[in-house]
Amino acid sequence: MLHIIQNDPQVPPGNITDRLEAGGLIHIVHHPYLGDPLPELRDVTALIVMGGAMSANDDAGHPFLAEVKLFIKQAVRRDIPYLGICLGGQLLAAALGAEVAANRWEELGTMKVTLTAAGKDDPLFTGIVDPFPTFQWHHDSFDLPGGATLLATSPACPHQAFRVGAHAWGTQFHPEVTEAIIRDWCAWDQATQQRAEELVQAFRSHERDYCRVAERLLDNFLTVANLLP
């Protein structure tokens, strides 16, 4: 079964759960920030870990993160298909010993990302146009763990996506957002409140292509996990 870990009440799976429900794919969303236990690894066919406003290094402020990182490390060791989105990608990097740096390569809004040569041949990005539109909302960024393959990059943030082993991916960009999620995030502070309409309009101008990419990326991951034919 597909399990999803949501790390922040304001960073939901968004269009991921919309698509899963539309396709009748059974999944469970866990909320460890509320005290939900993590699943037993033997029950996990594939794992998606979502973003969050906290740092991947903030175990003191969010103690559940230490448990999530250990869980991720064990899942990767067992070759369970893994997709980490933004904080989820940073947690993957941190769990495997790479640095996650604060206030580096920050991005905010709708931006293009380019595939590397390895990314063009990677199963997660099969059929995805290059470059492709993404939505970005991050202050921290990950270094690549040892043995990782860089799959996507951008001028503002060179580490946009990577793969470790055959079935574990981390992305810096968000493929799950909707306009409602963007508006919620814009409300977090005064600076983004003032830019809310600008950010929403930019997203709307690329929304059709963004949604195609997001849907294909999710389908590719589910196919790798043998959850789609």
Protein backbone atom coordinates (compact mmCIF):
# COMPACT_ATOMS: atom_id res chain seq x y z
CA MET A 1 0.00 0.00 0.00
CA LEU A 2 1.05 3.59 -0.63
CA HIS A 3 1.72 5.58 2.54
CA ILE A 4 2.04 9.39 2.66
CA ILE A 5 3.68 11.27 5.52
CA GLN A 6 2.40 14.82 6.02
CA ASN A 7 4.81 16.81 8.19
CA ASP A 8 2.91 20.08 8.52
CA PRO A 9 -0.83 20.78 8.84
CA GLN A 10 -0.55 23.51 6.18
CA VAL A 11 1.41 21.43 3.67
CA PRO A 12 -1.04 18.73 2.57
CA PRO A 13 -0.65 16.25 -0.30
CA GLY A 14 -2.91 18.46 -2.41
CA ASN A 15 -3.39 17.21 -5.96
CA ILE A 16 -1.61 13.93 -5.12
CA THR A 17 -4.50 12.69 -3.00
CA ASP A 18 -6.97 14.17 -5.49
CA ARG A 19 -5.48 11.98 -8.23
CA LEU A 20 -5.18 8.91 -6.04
CA GLU A 21 -8.82 9.17 -5.01
CA ALA A 22 -9.94 9.76 -8.60
CA GLY A 23 -8.08 6.61 -9.64
CA GLY A 24 -9.37 4.55 -6.73
CA LEU A 25 -5.85 3.90 -5.42
CA ILE A 26 -5.83 3.01 -1.74
CA HIS A 27 -3.46 5.08 0.38
CA ILE A 28 -2.99 6.22 3.97
CA VAL A 29 -1.89 9.69 5.08
CA HIS A 30 0.01 9.85 8.38
CA HIS A 31 0.33 13.01 10.51
CA PRO A 32 3.32 12.48 12.85
CA TYR A 33 3.16 16.12 14.04
CA LEU A 34 -0.14 15.10 15.70
CA GLY A 35 1.43 12.02 17.25
CA ASP A 36 0.36 9.54 14.56
CA PRO A 37 2.61 6.47 14.59
CA LEU A 38 4.57 5.76 11.45
CA PRO A 39 3.56 2.62 9.56
CA GLU A 40 5.33 -0.70 9.80
CA LEU A 41 7.80 -0.96 6.93
CA ARG A 42 6.51 -4.41 6.05
CA ASP A 43 3.18 -2.77 5.17
CA VAL A 44 4.68 -0.08 2.92
CA THR A 45 4.75 -0.71 -0.84
CA ALA A 46 5.70 2.89 -1.61
CA LEU A 47 6.26 6.05 0.44
CA ILE A 48 5.73 9.75 -0.27
CA VAL A 49 6.98 12.31 2.26
CA MET A 50 5.61 15.83 1.98
CA GLY A 51 7.04 19.27 2.70
CA GLY A 52 6.78 21.55 5.70
CA ALA A 53 7.68 24.99 6.94
CA MET A 54 10.27 23.66 9.40
CA SER A 55 13.91 22.79 8.71
CA ALA A 56 15.02 19.21 8.18
CA ASN A 57 17.53 19.90 10.97
CA ASP A 58 14.94 21.12 13.49
CA ASP A 59 14.67 17.95 15.57
CA ALA A 60 14.61 20.02 18.77
CA GLY A 61 11.58 22.06 17.71
CA HIS A 62 9.87 19.14 15.96
CA PRO A 63 11.03 15.93 17.64
CA PHE A 64 9.07 13.68 15.28
CA LEU A 65 11.52 14.60 12.49
CA ALA A 66 14.23 12.40 14.01
CA GLU A 67 11.90 9.41 13.80
CA VAL A 68 10.88 10.30 10.24
CA LYS A 69 14.52 10.50 9.12
CA LEU A 70 15.29 7.11 10.64
CA PHE A 71 12.17 5.70 8.98
CA ILE A 72 13.28 7.11 5.61
CA LYS A 73 16.76 5.64 5.99
CA GLN A 74 15.33 2.21 6.74
CA ALA A 75 12.88 2.45 3.81
CA VAL A 76 15.69 3.31 1.38
CA ARG A 77 17.81 0.43 2.71
CA ARG A 78 14.91 -1.90 1.92
CA ASP A 79 14.60 -0.40 -1.59
CA ILE A 80 11.02 0.74 -0.95
CA PRO A 81 10.08 3.27 -3.67
CA TYR A 82 10.34 6.71 -2.07
CA LEU A 83 9.39 10.20 -3.23
CA GLY A 84 10.35 13.13 -1.01
CA ILE A 85 8.92 16.54 -1.88
CA CYS A 86 10.73 19.73 -0.74
CA LEU A 87 11.21 19.04 2.99
CA GLY A 88 10.68 15.37 2.09
CA GLY A 89 13.64 15.61 -0.29
CA GLN A 90 15.69 17.44 2.32
CA LEU A 91 14.84 14.76 4.89
CA LEU A 92 16.00 12.08 2.44
CA ALA A 93 19.30 13.90 1.97
CA ALA A 94 19.75 14.41 5.71
CA ALA A 95 18.83 10.80 6.51
CA LEU A 96 21.61 9.66 4.17
CA GLY A 97 24.25 11.98 5.65
CA ALA A 98 24.11 15.02 3.35
CA GLU A 99 23.91 18.62 4.55
CA VAL A 100 20.71 20.62 4.37
CA ALA A 101 21.62 24.30 4.37
CA ALA A 102 19.37 27.16 5.51
CA ASN A 103 18.80 30.33 3.47
CA ARG A 104 20.63 29.05 0.39
CA TRP A 105 19.28 28.94 -3.17
CA GLU A 106 15.91 30.26 -2.03
CA GLU A 107 13.03 30.25 -4.53
CA LEU A 108 9.43 31.37 -4.39
CA GLY A 109 6.88 31.03 -7.16
CA THR A 110 6.40 29.38 -10.55
CA MET A 111 9.74 28.61 -12.21
CA LYS A 112 11.22 26.38 -14.90
CA VAL A 113 13.47 23.45 -14.07
CA THR A 114 15.81 21.67 -16.48
CA LEU A 115 16.62 17.97 -16.57
CA THR A 116 20.20 16.80 -16.54
CA ALA A 117 21.34 14.14 -19.01
CA ALA A 118 20.69 11.53 -16.30
CA GLY A 119 17.30 13.05 -15.58
CA LYS A 120 16.20 12.66 -19.19
CA ASP A 121 16.74 8.91 -18.85
CA ASP A 122 15.30 8.58 -15.35
CA PRO A 123 11.99 6.72 -14.92
CA LEU A 124 10.55 9.43 -12.65
CA PHE A 125 10.77 11.96 -15.51
CA THR A 126 9.71 9.76 -18.42
CA GLY A 127 7.52 11.72 -20.81
CA ILE A 128 8.05 15.06 -19.04
CA VAL A 129 8.88 18.04 -21.22
CA ASP A 130 12.27 19.68 -20.66
CA PRO A 131 12.41 22.29 -19.23
CA PHE A 132 9.21 21.97 -17.23
CA PRO A 133 7.21 24.34 -14.97
CA THR A 134 7.39 23.88 -11.21
CA PHE A 135 6.16 25.65 -8.12
CA GLN A 136 8.86 26.52 -5.59
CA TRP A 137 8.58 27.52 -1.97
CA HIS A 138 11.77 26.90 -0.01
CA HIS A 139 14.47 28.67 1.97
CA ASP A 140 16.58 25.58 2.74
CA SER A 141 18.21 23.32 0.16
CA PHE A 142 19.91 19.95 0.11
CA ASP A 143 23.36 18.77 -0.83
CA LEU A 144 23.49 15.45 -2.64
CA PRO A 145 24.08 12.32 -0.56
CA GLY A 146 27.01 10.12 -1.45
CA GLY A 147 26.30 8.09 -4.58
CA ALA A 148 23.28 10.21 -5.56
CA THR A 149 22.55 11.17 -9.15
CA LEU A 150 21.51 14.75 -9.92
CA LEU A 151 18.42 14.70 -12.14
CA ALA A 152 17.20 18.30 -12.39
CA THR A 153 18.57 21.78 -11.90
CA SER A 154 17.76 25.47 -12.29
CA PRO A 155 19.80 28.69 -12.38
CA ALA A 156 18.61 29.74 -8.91
CA CYS A 157 18.86 26.31 -7.26
CA PRO A 158 21.24 23.76 -8.84
CA HIS A 159 19.92 20.82 -6.81
CA GLN A 160 16.30 20.39 -7.89
CA ALA A 161 15.98 16.60 -7.93
CA PHE A 162 18.13 13.58 -7.25
CA ARG A 163 17.92 9.82 -7.06
CA VAL A 164 19.62 7.47 -4.63
CA GLY A 165 19.83 3.83 -5.67
CA ALA A 166 17.14 2.66 -8.04
CA HIS A 167 13.94 3.80 -6.34
CA ALA A 168 14.46 6.78 -3.99
CA TRP A 169 13.91 10.32 -5.25
CA GLY A 170 14.03 13.75 -3.66
CA THR A 171 12.74 16.94 -5.26
CA GLN A 172 13.16 20.55 -4.18
CA PHE A 173 10.13 21.68 -6.18
CA HIS A 174 6.48 21.07 -5.26
CA PRO A 175 4.43 18.98 -7.73
CA GLU A 176 1.40 18.83 -5.39
CA VAL A 177 0.20 22.42 -5.07
CA THR A 178 -3.16 23.88 -6.00
CA GLU A 179 -4.19 27.52 -6.07
CA ALA A 180 -5.81 27.10 -2.65
CA ILE A 181 -2.55 25.80 -1.19
CA ILE A 182 -0.60 28.69 -2.68
CA ARG A 183 -3.02 31.19 -1.14
CA ASP A 184 -2.67 29.48 2.24
CA TRP A 185 1.13 29.70 2.05
CA CYS A 186 1.01 33.34 1.00
CA ALA A 187 -0.81 34.10 4.25
CA TRP A 188 2.19 32.95 6.31
CA ASP A 189 3.90 36.34 6.43
CA GLN A 190 3.36 39.94 5.39
CA ALA A 191 5.80 39.91 2.48
CA THR A 192 4.06 37.01 0.75
CA GLN A 193 0.62 38.33 1.66
CA GLN A 194 1.45 41.38 -0.44
CA ARG A 195 2.56 39.18 -3.35
CA ALA A 196 -0.35 36.74 -3.21
CA GLU A 197 -2.13 37.83 -6.41
CA GLU A 198 1.16 38.06 -8.32
CA LEU A 199 2.12 34.51 -7.28
CA VAL A 200 -1.33 33.11 -8.00
CA GLN A 201 -1.53 34.73 -11.43
CA ALA A 202 1.91 33.42 -12.38
CA PHE A 203 0.80 29.93 -11.35
CA ARG A 204 -2.45 30.23 -13.30
CA SER A 205 -0.53 31.17 -16.45
CA HIS A 206 1.34 27.84 -16.33
CA GLU A 207 -1.26 25.74 -14.50
CA ARG A 208 -2.26 23.52 -17.40
CA ASP A 209 1.33 22.50 -18.15
CA TYR A 210 2.14 22.29 -14.44
CA CYS A 211 -0.73 19.87 -13.83
CA ARG A 212 0.32 17.69 -16.77
CA VAL A 213 3.84 17.44 -15.37
CA ALA A 214 2.58 16.76 -11.83
CA GLU A 215 0.23 14.03 -13.03
CA ARG A 216 2.90 12.36 -15.16
CA LEU A 217 5.47 12.49 -12.37
CA LEU A 218 3.06 10.84 -9.92
CA ASP A 219 2.06 8.22 -12.49
CA ASN A 220 5.72 7.48 -13.17
CA PHE A 221 6.39 6.99 -9.46
CA LEU A 222 3.36 4.74 -9.03
CA THR A 223 4.43 2.72 -12.06
CA VAL A 224 7.91 2.18 -10.58
CA ALA A 225 6.19 1.07 -7.37
CA ASN A 226 4.00 -1.38 -9.32
CA LEU A 227 0.89 0.43 -8.17
CA LEU A 228 -0.10 1.25 -11.75
CA PRO A 229 0.01 -1.14 -14.71
